[in-house]
Amino acid sequence: MQFQSIESLFEAYQEHVKRKGFSIIKRTCRKSGPMGYKYALMTCDKSRKSITHKTSKKVSRPARLNVIKQDDGSWIVSKVVSEHYHEIDPNYSI
């Protein structure tokens, strides 16, 4: 899949995962020289690091999407992990 911007890719993936019953975050974006961002990782929001040790929200292997920026400025999906290691919340699904 190819997208013209990182924002349009994020919105499309967000719509997809909403139907599956979870939400996502942009977890990592790496810059590569003066051209700006080159790599990005979008992952289930349960992969966030817990702020306090009382929180049990963090999961070690969440669903994720790795993307790479092409020379023409478009973004392509390089890897998809769709397995979940936690309960899906039906309140998120459409």
PDB file of N, CA and C in Angstrom:
ATOM      1  N   MET A   1       0.840  -1.184   0.000  1.00  0.00           N
ATOM      2  CA  MET A   1       0.000   0.000   0.000  1.00  0.00           C
ATOM      3  C   MET A   1       0.883   1.243   0.000  1.00  0.00           C
ATOM      4  N   GLN A   2       0.430   2.254  -0.692  1.00  0.00           N
ATOM      5  CA  GLN A   2       1.198   3.493  -0.808  1.00  0.00           C
ATOM      6  C   GLN A   2       0.299   4.676  -0.456  1.00  0.00           C
ATOM      7  N   PHE A   3       0.859   5.629   0.291  1.00  0.00           N
ATOM      8  CA  PHE A   3       0.119   6.809   0.729  1.00  0.00           C
ATOM      9  C   PHE A   3       0.940   8.055   0.419  1.00  0.00           C
ATOM     10  N   GLN A   4       0.271   9.161   0.157  1.00  0.00           N
ATOM     11  CA  GLN A   4       0.946  10.412  -0.196  1.00  0.00           C
ATOM     12  C   GLN A   4       1.532  11.140   1.010  1.00  0.00           C
ATOM     13  N   SER A   5       0.992  10.864   2.214  1.00  0.00           N
ATOM     14  CA  SER A   5       1.521  11.519   3.415  1.00  0.00           C
ATOM     15  C   SER A   5       1.415  10.581   4.604  1.00  0.00           C
ATOM     16  N   ILE A   6       2.214  10.859   5.616  1.00  0.00           N
ATOM     17  CA  ILE A   6       2.166  10.060   6.841  1.00  0.00           C
ATOM     18  C   ILE A   6       0.826  10.251   7.548  1.00  0.00           C
ATOM     19  N   GLU A   7       0.242  11.444   7.418  1.00  0.00           N
ATOM     20  CA  GLU A   7      -1.047  11.726   8.041  1.00  0.00           C
ATOM     21  C   GLU A   7      -2.163  10.900   7.410  1.00  0.00           C
ATOM     22  N   SER A   8      -2.172  10.802   6.072  1.00  0.00           N
ATOM     23  CA  SER A   8      -3.216  10.012   5.412  1.00  0.00           C
ATOM     24  C   SER A   8      -3.059   8.532   5.729  1.00  0.00           C
ATOM     25  N   LEU A   9      -1.815   8.063   5.860  1.00  0.00           N
ATOM     26  CA  LEU A   9      -1.572   6.677   6.235  1.00  0.00           C
ATOM     27  C   LEU A   9      -2.086   6.415   7.653  1.00  0.00           C
ATOM     28  N   PHE A  10      -1.772   7.318   8.583  1.00  0.00           N
ATOM     29  CA  PHE A  10      -2.211   7.166   9.967  1.00  0.00           C
ATOM     30  C   PHE A  10      -3.737   7.153  10.060  1.00  0.00           C
ATOM     31  N   GLU A  11      -4.402   8.050   9.328  1.00  0.00           N
ATOM     32  CA  GLU A  11      -5.866   8.104   9.343  1.00  0.00           C
ATOM     33  C   GLU A  11      -6.482   6.819   8.796  1.00  0.00           C
ATOM     34  N   ALA A  12      -5.915   6.280   7.714  1.00  0.00           N
ATOM     35  CA  ALA A  12      -6.431   5.040   7.133  1.00  0.00           C
ATOM     36  C   ALA A  12      -6.248   3.867   8.097  1.00  0.00           C
ATOM     37  N   TYR A  13      -5.086   3.779   8.722  1.00  0.00           N
ATOM     38  CA  TYR A  13      -4.832   2.695   9.669  1.00  0.00           C
ATOM     39  C   TYR A  13      -5.714   2.863  10.907  1.00  0.00           C
ATOM     40  N   GLN A  14      -5.899   4.087  11.340  1.00  0.00           N
ATOM     41  CA  GLN A  14      -6.754   4.361  12.496  1.00  0.00           C
ATOM     42  C   GLN A  14      -8.193   3.908  12.228  1.00  0.00           C
ATOM     43  N   GLU A  15      -8.694   4.173  11.038  1.00  0.00           N
ATOM     44  CA  GLU A  15     -10.043   3.743  10.669  1.00  0.00           C
ATOM     45  C   GLU A  15     -10.134   2.217  10.643  1.00  0.00           C
ATOM     46  N   HIS A  16      -9.106   1.573  10.130  1.00  0.00           N
ATOM     47  CA  HIS A  16      -9.072   0.111  10.066  1.00  0.00           C
ATOM     48  C   HIS A  16      -9.094  -0.513  11.462  1.00  0.00           C
ATOM     49  N   VAL A  17      -8.223  -0.029  12.345  1.00  0.00           N
ATOM     50  CA  VAL A  17      -8.138  -0.644  13.675  1.00  0.00           C
ATOM     51  C   VAL A  17      -9.359  -0.333  14.528  1.00  0.00           C
ATOM     52  N   LYS A  18     -10.014   0.779  14.248  1.00  0.00           N
ATOM     53  CA  LYS A  18     -11.247   1.105  14.973  1.00  0.00           C
ATOM     54  C   LYS A  18     -12.286   0.014  14.725  1.00  0.00           C
ATOM     55  N   ARG A  19     -12.335  -0.475  13.499  1.00  0.00           N
ATOM     56  CA  ARG A  19     -13.264  -1.561  13.148  1.00  0.00           C
ATOM     57  C   ARG A  19     -12.875  -2.872  13.829  1.00  0.00           C
ATOM     58  N   LYS A  20     -11.585  -3.023  14.131  1.00  0.00           N
ATOM     59  CA  LYS A  20     -11.099  -4.225  14.797  1.00  0.00           C
ATOM     60  C   LYS A  20     -11.280  -4.167  16.309  1.00  0.00           C
ATOM     61  N   GLY A  21     -11.443  -2.960  16.859  1.00  0.00           N
ATOM     62  CA  GLY A  21     -11.703  -2.837  18.286  1.00  0.00           C
ATOM     63  C   GLY A  21     -10.539  -2.372  19.135  1.00  0.00           C
ATOM     64  N   PHE A  22      -9.593  -1.642  18.559  1.00  0.00           N
ATOM     65  CA  PHE A  22      -8.510  -1.073  19.367  1.00  0.00           C
ATOM     66  C   PHE A  22      -8.095   0.263  18.773  1.00  0.00           C
ATOM     67  N   SER A  23      -7.209   0.959  19.462  1.00  0.00           N
ATOM     68  CA  SER A  23      -6.743   2.257  18.978  1.00  0.00           C
ATOM     69  C   SER A  23      -5.226   2.215  18.820  1.00  0.00           C
ATOM     70  N   ILE A  24      -4.682   3.201  18.094  1.00  0.00           N
ATOM     71  CA  ILE A  24      -3.250   3.204  17.794  1.00  0.00           C
ATOM     72  C   ILE A  24      -2.603   4.531  18.164  1.00  0.00           C
ATOM     73  N   ILE A  25      -1.281   4.511  18.187  1.00  0.00           N
ATOM     74  CA  ILE A  25      -0.476   5.712  18.399  1.00  0.00           C
ATOM     75  C   ILE A  25       0.680   5.693  17.401  1.00  0.00           C
ATOM     76  N   LYS A  26       1.232   6.868  17.115  1.00  0.00           N
ATOM     77  CA  LYS A  26       2.498   6.941  16.383  1.00  0.00           C
ATOM     78  C   LYS A  26       3.572   6.788  17.442  1.00  0.00           C
ATOM     79  N   ARG A  27       4.261   5.689  17.405  1.00  0.00           N
ATOM     80  CA  ARG A  27       5.210   5.418  18.470  1.00  0.00           C
ATOM     81  C   ARG A  27       6.607   5.918  18.149  1.00  0.00           C
ATOM     82  N   THR A  28       7.073   5.726  16.924  1.00  0.00           N
ATOM     83  CA  THR A  28       8.431   6.104  16.562  1.00  0.00           C
ATOM     84  C   THR A  28       8.435   6.738  15.183  1.00  0.00           C
ATOM     85  N   CYS A  29       9.139   7.827  15.062  1.00  0.00           N
ATOM     86  CA  CYS A  29       9.408   8.426  13.755  1.00  0.00           C
ATOM     87  C   CYS A  29      10.882   8.790  13.764  1.00  0.00           C
ATOM     88  N   ARG A  30      11.635   8.295  12.781  1.00  0.00           N
ATOM     89  CA  ARG A  30      13.071   8.569  12.725  1.00  0.00           C
ATOM     90  C   ARG A  30      13.394   9.495  11.571  1.00  0.00           C
ATOM     91  N   LYS A  31      14.210  10.490  11.867  1.00  0.00           N
ATOM     92  CA  LYS A  31      14.676  11.391  10.822  1.00  0.00           C
ATOM     93  C   LYS A  31      15.892  10.781  10.137  1.00  0.00           C
ATOM     94  N   SER A  32      15.996  11.092   8.859  1.00  0.00           N
ATOM     95  CA  SER A  32      17.132  10.605   8.091  1.00  0.00           C
ATOM     96  C   SER A  32      17.638  11.747   7.220  1.00  0.00           C
ATOM     97  N   GLY A  33      18.525  12.532   7.773  1.00  0.00           N
ATOM     98  CA  GLY A  33      19.093  13.653   7.028  1.00  0.00           C
ATOM     99  C   GLY A  33      18.151  14.840   6.932  1.00  0.00           C
ATOM    100  N   PRO A  34      18.444  15.749   6.018  1.00  0.00           N
ATOM    101  CA  PRO A  34      17.661  16.984   5.899  1.00  0.00           C
ATOM    102  C   PRO A  34      16.280  16.792   5.269  1.00  0.00           C
ATOM    103  N   MET A  35      16.007  15.620   4.731  1.00  0.00           N
ATOM    104  CA  MET A  35      14.723  15.367   4.075  1.00  0.00           C
ATOM    105  C   MET A  35      13.606  15.055   5.066  1.00  0.00           C
ATOM    106  N   GLY A  36      13.900  15.053   6.352  1.00  0.00           N
ATOM    107  CA  GLY A  36      12.863  14.805   7.361  1.00  0.00           C
ATOM    108  C   GLY A  36      12.735  13.333   7.713  1.00  0.00           C
ATOM    109  N   TYR A  37      11.535  12.939   8.073  1.00  0.00           N
ATOM    110  CA  TYR A  37      11.294  11.582   8.528  1.00  0.00           C
ATOM    111  C   TYR A  37      11.418  10.576   7.405  1.00  0.00           C
ATOM    112  N   LYS A  38      11.980   9.412   7.738  1.00  0.00           N
ATOM    113  CA  LYS A  38      12.174   8.337   6.762  1.00  0.00           C
ATOM    114  C   LYS A  38      11.445   7.065   7.189  1.00  0.00           C
ATOM    115  N   TYR A  39      11.374   6.798   8.489  1.00  0.00           N
ATOM    116  CA  TYR A  39      10.741   5.598   9.015  1.00  0.00           C
ATOM    117  C   TYR A  39       9.725   5.970  10.080  1.00  0.00           C
ATOM    118  N   ALA A  40       8.675   5.158  10.204  1.00  0.00           N
ATOM    119  CA  ALA A  40       7.695   5.386  11.261  1.00  0.00           C
ATOM    120  C   ALA A  40       7.127   4.051  11.720  1.00  0.00           C
ATOM    121  N   LEU A  41       6.673   4.016  12.956  1.00  0.00           N
ATOM    122  CA  LEU A  41       6.050   2.843  13.548  1.00  0.00           C
ATOM    123  C   LEU A  41       4.734   3.284  14.173  1.00  0.00           C
ATOM    124  N   MET A  42       3.659   2.629  13.796  1.00  0.00           N
ATOM    125  CA  MET A  42       2.348   2.879  14.385  1.00  0.00           C
ATOM    126  C   MET A  42       1.942   1.598  15.081  1.00  0.00           C
ATOM    127  N   THR A  43       1.528   1.713  16.313  1.00  0.00           N
ATOM    128  CA  THR A  43       1.289   0.518  17.105  1.00  0.00           C
ATOM    129  C   THR A  43       0.059   0.666  17.990  1.00  0.00           C
ATOM    130  N   CYS A  44      -0.435  -0.442  18.461  1.00  0.00           N
ATOM    131  CA  CYS A  44      -1.572  -0.460  19.380  1.00  0.00           C
ATOM    132  C   CYS A  44      -1.235   0.408  20.591  1.00  0.00           C
ATOM    133  N   ASP A  45      -2.212   1.170  21.072  1.00  0.00           N
ATOM    134  CA  ASP A  45      -1.920   2.080  22.185  1.00  0.00           C
ATOM    135  C   ASP A  45      -1.584   1.345  23.474  1.00  0.00           C
ATOM    136  N   LYS A  46      -1.801   0.060  23.542  1.00  0.00           N
ATOM    137  CA  LYS A  46      -1.448  -0.687  24.746  1.00  0.00           C
ATOM    138  C   LYS A  46       0.048  -0.957  24.829  1.00  0.00           C
ATOM    139  N   SER A  47       0.807  -0.542  23.827  1.00  0.00           N
ATOM    140  CA  SER A  47       2.259  -0.719  23.874  1.00  0.00           C
ATOM    141  C   SER A  47       2.956   0.420  24.591  1.00  0.00           C
ATOM    142  N   ARG A  48       2.197   1.433  24.969  1.00  0.00           N
ATOM    143  CA  ARG A  48       2.794   2.577  25.672  1.00  0.00           C
ATOM    144  C   ARG A  48       3.452   2.124  26.959  1.00  0.00           C
ATOM    145  N   LYS A  49       4.511   2.809  27.316  1.00  0.00           N
ATOM    146  CA  LYS A  49       5.165   2.514  28.585  1.00  0.00           C
ATOM    147  C   LYS A  49       4.267   3.029  29.699  1.00  0.00           C
ATOM    148  N   SER A  50       4.103   2.221  30.721  1.00  0.00           N
ATOM    149  CA  SER A  50       3.252   2.646  31.825  1.00  0.00           C
ATOM    150  C   SER A  50       3.952   3.754  32.613  1.00  0.00           C
ATOM    151  N   ILE A  51       3.190   4.746  33.024  1.00  0.00           N
ATOM    152  CA  ILE A  51       3.743   5.891  33.748  1.00  0.00           C
ATOM    153  C   ILE A  51       4.066   5.507  35.186  1.00  0.00           C
ATOM    154  N   THR A  52       3.230   4.719  35.775  1.00  0.00           N
ATOM    155  CA  THR A  52       3.505   4.250  37.133  1.00  0.00           C
ATOM    156  C   THR A  52       3.505   2.733  37.122  1.00  0.00           C
ATOM    157  N   HIS A  53       4.091   2.170  38.111  1.00  0.00           N
ATOM    158  CA  HIS A  53       4.138   0.716  38.193  1.00  0.00           C
ATOM    159  C   HIS A  53       2.773   0.117  38.540  1.00  0.00           C
ATOM    160  N   LYS A  54       1.798   0.958  38.877  1.00  0.00           N
ATOM    161  CA  LYS A  54       0.449   0.484  39.179  1.00  0.00           C
ATOM    162  C   LYS A  54      -0.349   0.182  37.913  1.00  0.00           C
ATOM    163  N   THR A  55       0.066   0.747  36.786  1.00  0.00           N
ATOM    164  CA  THR A  55      -0.658   0.571  35.540  1.00  0.00           C
ATOM    165  C   THR A  55      -0.259  -0.739  34.880  1.00  0.00           C
ATOM    166  N   SER A  56      -1.237  -1.447  34.358  1.00  0.00           N
ATOM    167  CA  SER A  56      -0.935  -2.706  33.677  1.00  0.00           C
ATOM    168  C   SER A  56      -1.300  -2.621  32.203  1.00  0.00           C
ATOM    169  N   LYS A  57      -1.213  -1.430  31.635  1.00  0.00           N
ATOM    170  CA  LYS A  57      -1.646  -1.226  30.261  1.00  0.00           C
ATOM    171  C   LYS A  57      -0.627  -1.725  29.237  1.00  0.00           C
ATOM    172  N   LYS A  58       0.653  -1.737  29.567  1.00  0.00           N
ATOM    173  CA  LYS A  58       1.688  -2.080  28.587  1.00  0.00           C
ATOM    174  C   LYS A  58       1.627  -3.563  28.199  1.00  0.00           C
ATOM    175  N   VAL A  59       1.764  -3.828  26.898  1.00  0.00           N
ATOM    176  CA  VAL A  59       1.834  -5.189  26.376  1.00  0.00           C
ATOM    177  C   VAL A  59       3.136  -5.292  25.591  1.00  0.00           C
ATOM    178  N   SER A  60       3.762  -6.440  25.604  1.00  0.00           N
ATOM    179  CA  SER A  60       5.074  -6.536  24.979  1.00  0.00           C
ATOM    180  C   SER A  60       5.035  -6.730  23.463  1.00  0.00           C
ATOM    181  N   ARG A  61       4.003  -7.332  22.911  1.00  0.00           N
ATOM    182  CA  ARG A  61       3.964  -7.568  21.469  1.00  0.00           C
ATOM    183  C   ARG A  61       2.635  -7.132  20.868  1.00  0.00           C
ATOM    184  N   PRO A  62       2.438  -5.842  20.694  1.00  0.00           N
ATOM    185  CA  PRO A  62       1.156  -5.368  20.163  1.00  0.00           C
ATOM    186  C   PRO A  62       1.110  -5.410  18.639  1.00  0.00           C
ATOM    187  N   ALA A  63      -0.081  -5.230  18.098  1.00  0.00           N
ATOM    188  CA  ALA A  63      -0.230  -5.073  16.650  1.00  0.00           C
ATOM    189  C   ALA A  63       0.513  -3.808  16.241  1.00  0.00           C
ATOM    190  N   ARG A  64       1.114  -3.840  15.031  1.00  0.00           N
ATOM    191  CA  ARG A  64       1.867  -2.664  14.604  1.00  0.00           C
ATOM    192  C   ARG A  64       1.981  -2.602  13.086  1.00  0.00           C
ATOM    193  N   LEU A  65       2.388  -1.431  12.627  1.00  0.00           N
ATOM    194  CA  LEU A  65       2.564  -1.161  11.209  1.00  0.00           C
ATOM    195  C   LEU A  65       3.861  -0.383  11.046  1.00  0.00           C
ATOM    196  N   ASN A  66       4.814  -0.932  10.288  1.00  0.00           N
ATOM    197  CA  ASN A  66       6.057  -0.236   9.986  1.00  0.00           C
ATOM    198  C   ASN A  66       5.924   0.384   8.601  1.00  0.00           C
ATOM    199  N   VAL A  67       6.348   1.630   8.454  1.00  0.00           N
ATOM    200  CA  VAL A  67       6.246   2.326   7.172  1.00  0.00           C
ATOM    201  C   VAL A  67       7.561   3.012   6.827  1.00  0.00           C
ATOM    202  N   ILE A  68       7.803   3.161   5.512  1.00  0.00           N
ATOM    203  CA  ILE A  68       9.042   3.767   5.015  1.00  0.00           C
ATOM    204  C   ILE A  68       8.687   4.823   3.983  1.00  0.00           C
ATOM    205  N   LYS A  69       9.365   5.969   4.080  1.00  0.00           N
ATOM    206  CA  LYS A  69       9.167   7.043   3.113  1.00  0.00           C
ATOM    207  C   LYS A  69      10.008   6.765   1.871  1.00  0.00           C
ATOM    208  N   GLN A  70       9.386   6.894   0.715  1.00  0.00           N
ATOM    209  CA  GLN A  70      10.056   6.666  -0.566  1.00  0.00           C
ATOM    210  C   GLN A  70      10.726   7.952  -1.055  1.00  0.00           C
ATOM    211  N   ASP A  71      11.566   7.835  -2.061  1.00  0.00           N
ATOM    212  CA  ASP A  71      12.277   8.994  -2.611  1.00  0.00           C
ATOM    213  C   ASP A  71      11.324  10.038  -3.186  1.00  0.00           C
ATOM    214  N   ASP A  72      10.158   9.600  -3.678  1.00  0.00           N
ATOM    215  CA  ASP A  72       9.186  10.548  -4.244  1.00  0.00           C
ATOM    216  C   ASP A  72       8.314  11.215  -3.184  1.00  0.00           C
ATOM    217  N   GLY A  73       8.551  10.883  -1.895  1.00  0.00           N
ATOM    218  CA  GLY A  73       7.810  11.503  -0.809  1.00  0.00           C
ATOM    219  C   GLY A  73       6.612  10.706  -0.334  1.00  0.00           C
ATOM    220  N   SER A  74       6.247   9.650  -1.042  1.00  0.00           N
ATOM    221  CA  SER A  74       5.123   8.809  -0.615  1.00  0.00           C
ATOM    222  C   SER A  74       5.590   7.831   0.462  1.00  0.00           C
ATOM    223  N   TRP A  75       4.647   7.214   1.151  1.00  0.00           N
ATOM    224  CA  TRP A  75       4.930   6.267   2.221  1.00  0.00           C
ATOM    225  C   TRP A  75       4.382   4.902   1.837  1.00  0.00           C
ATOM    226  N   ILE A  76       5.160   3.836   2.105  1.00  0.00           N
ATOM    227  CA  ILE A  76       4.678   2.482   1.873  1.00  0.00           C
ATOM    228  C   ILE A  76       4.747   1.681   3.169  1.00  0.00           C
ATOM    229  N   VAL A  77       3.876   0.709   3.275  1.00  0.00           N
ATOM    230  CA  VAL A  77       3.850  -0.178   4.431  1.00  0.00           C
ATOM    231  C   VAL A  77       4.890  -1.262   4.196  1.00  0.00           C
ATOM    232  N   SER A  78       5.823  -1.414   5.136  1.00  0.00           N
ATOM    233  CA  SER A  78       6.876  -2.408   4.978  1.00  0.00           C
ATOM    234  C   SER A  78       6.622  -3.663   5.807  1.00  0.00           C
ATOM    235  N   LYS A  79       5.853  -3.535   6.889  1.00  0.00           N
ATOM    236  CA  LYS A  79       5.586  -4.699   7.737  1.00  0.00           C
ATOM    237  C   LYS A  79       4.281  -4.491   8.478  1.00  0.00           C
ATOM    238  N   VAL A  80       3.492  -5.560   8.564  1.00  0.00           N
ATOM    239  CA  VAL A  80       2.225  -5.533   9.291  1.00  0.00           C
ATOM    240  C   VAL A  80       2.223  -6.676  10.292  1.00  0.00           C
ATOM    241  N   VAL A  81       1.939  -6.360  11.542  1.00  0.00           N
ATOM    242  CA  VAL A  81       1.744  -7.373  12.575  1.00  0.00           C
ATOM    243  C   VAL A  81       0.332  -7.169  13.089  1.00  0.00           C
ATOM    244  N   SER A  82      -0.531  -8.154  12.865  1.00  0.00           N
ATOM    245  CA  SER A  82      -1.934  -7.965  13.230  1.00  0.00           C
ATOM    246  C   SER A  82      -2.349  -8.737  14.479  1.00  0.00           C
ATOM    247  N   GLU A  83      -1.480  -9.597  15.009  1.00  0.00           N
ATOM    248  CA  GLU A  83      -1.838 -10.354  16.205  1.00  0.00           C
ATOM    249  C   GLU A  83      -1.912  -9.450  17.428  1.00  0.00           C
ATOM    250  N   HIS A  84      -2.819  -9.795  18.306  1.00  0.00           N
ATOM    251  CA  HIS A  84      -2.963  -9.071  19.570  1.00  0.00           C
ATOM    252  C   HIS A  84      -2.724 -10.024  20.720  1.00  0.00           C
ATOM    253  N   TYR A  85      -2.093  -9.527  21.770  1.00  0.00           N
ATOM    254  CA  TYR A  85      -1.835 -10.326  22.952  1.00  0.00           C
ATOM    255  C   TYR A  85      -2.603  -9.775  24.144  1.00  0.00           C
ATOM    256  N   HIS A  86      -3.739  -9.160  23.851  1.00  0.00           N
ATOM    257  CA  HIS A  86      -4.587  -8.639  24.915  1.00  0.00           C
ATOM    258  C   HIS A  86      -6.025  -8.663  24.433  1.00  0.00           C
ATOM    259  N   GLU A  87      -6.942  -8.420  25.337  1.00  0.00           N
ATOM    260  CA  GLU A  87      -8.365  -8.376  24.997  1.00  0.00           C
ATOM    261  C   GLU A  87      -8.655  -7.170  24.113  1.00  0.00           C
ATOM    262  N   ILE A  88      -9.509  -7.356  23.116  1.00  0.00           N
ATOM    263  CA  ILE A  88      -9.949  -6.254  22.274  1.00  0.00           C
ATOM    264  C   ILE A  88     -11.131  -5.586  22.957  1.00  0.00           C
ATOM    265  N   ASP A  89     -11.133  -4.257  22.985  1.00  0.00           N
ATOM    266  CA  ASP A  89     -12.189  -3.504  23.645  1.00  0.00           C
ATOM    267  C   ASP A  89     -13.319  -3.226  22.663  1.00  0.00           C
ATOM    268  N   PRO A  90     -14.502  -3.815  22.875  1.00  0.00           N
ATOM    269  CA  PRO A  90     -15.625  -3.610  21.953  1.00  0.00           C
ATOM    270  C   PRO A  90     -16.109  -2.169  21.927  1.00  0.00           C
ATOM    271  N   ASN A  91     -15.747  -1.356  22.917  1.00  0.00           N
ATOM    272  CA  ASN A  91     -16.159   0.060  22.920  1.00  0.00           C
ATOM    273  C   ASN A  91     -15.464   0.849  21.809  1.00  0.00           C
ATOM    274  N   TYR A  92     -14.305   0.355  21.336  1.00  0.00           N
ATOM    275  CA  TYR A  92     -13.593   1.026  20.259  1.00  0.00           C
ATOM    276  C   TYR A  92     -14.161   0.697  18.888  1.00  0.00           C
ATOM    277  N   SER A  93     -14.751  -0.483  18.745  1.00  0.00           N
ATOM    278  CA  SER A  93     -15.174  -0.909  17.415  1.00  0.00           C
ATOM    279  C   SER A  93     -16.431  -0.186  16.961  1.00  0.00           C
ATOM    280  N   ILE A  94     -16.573  -0.135  15.644  1.00  0.00           N
ATOM    281  CA  ILE A  94     -17.700   0.562  15.040  1.00  0.00           C
ATOM    282  C   ILE A  94     -18.879  -0.378  14.957  1.00  0.00           C
TER     283      ILE A  94
END
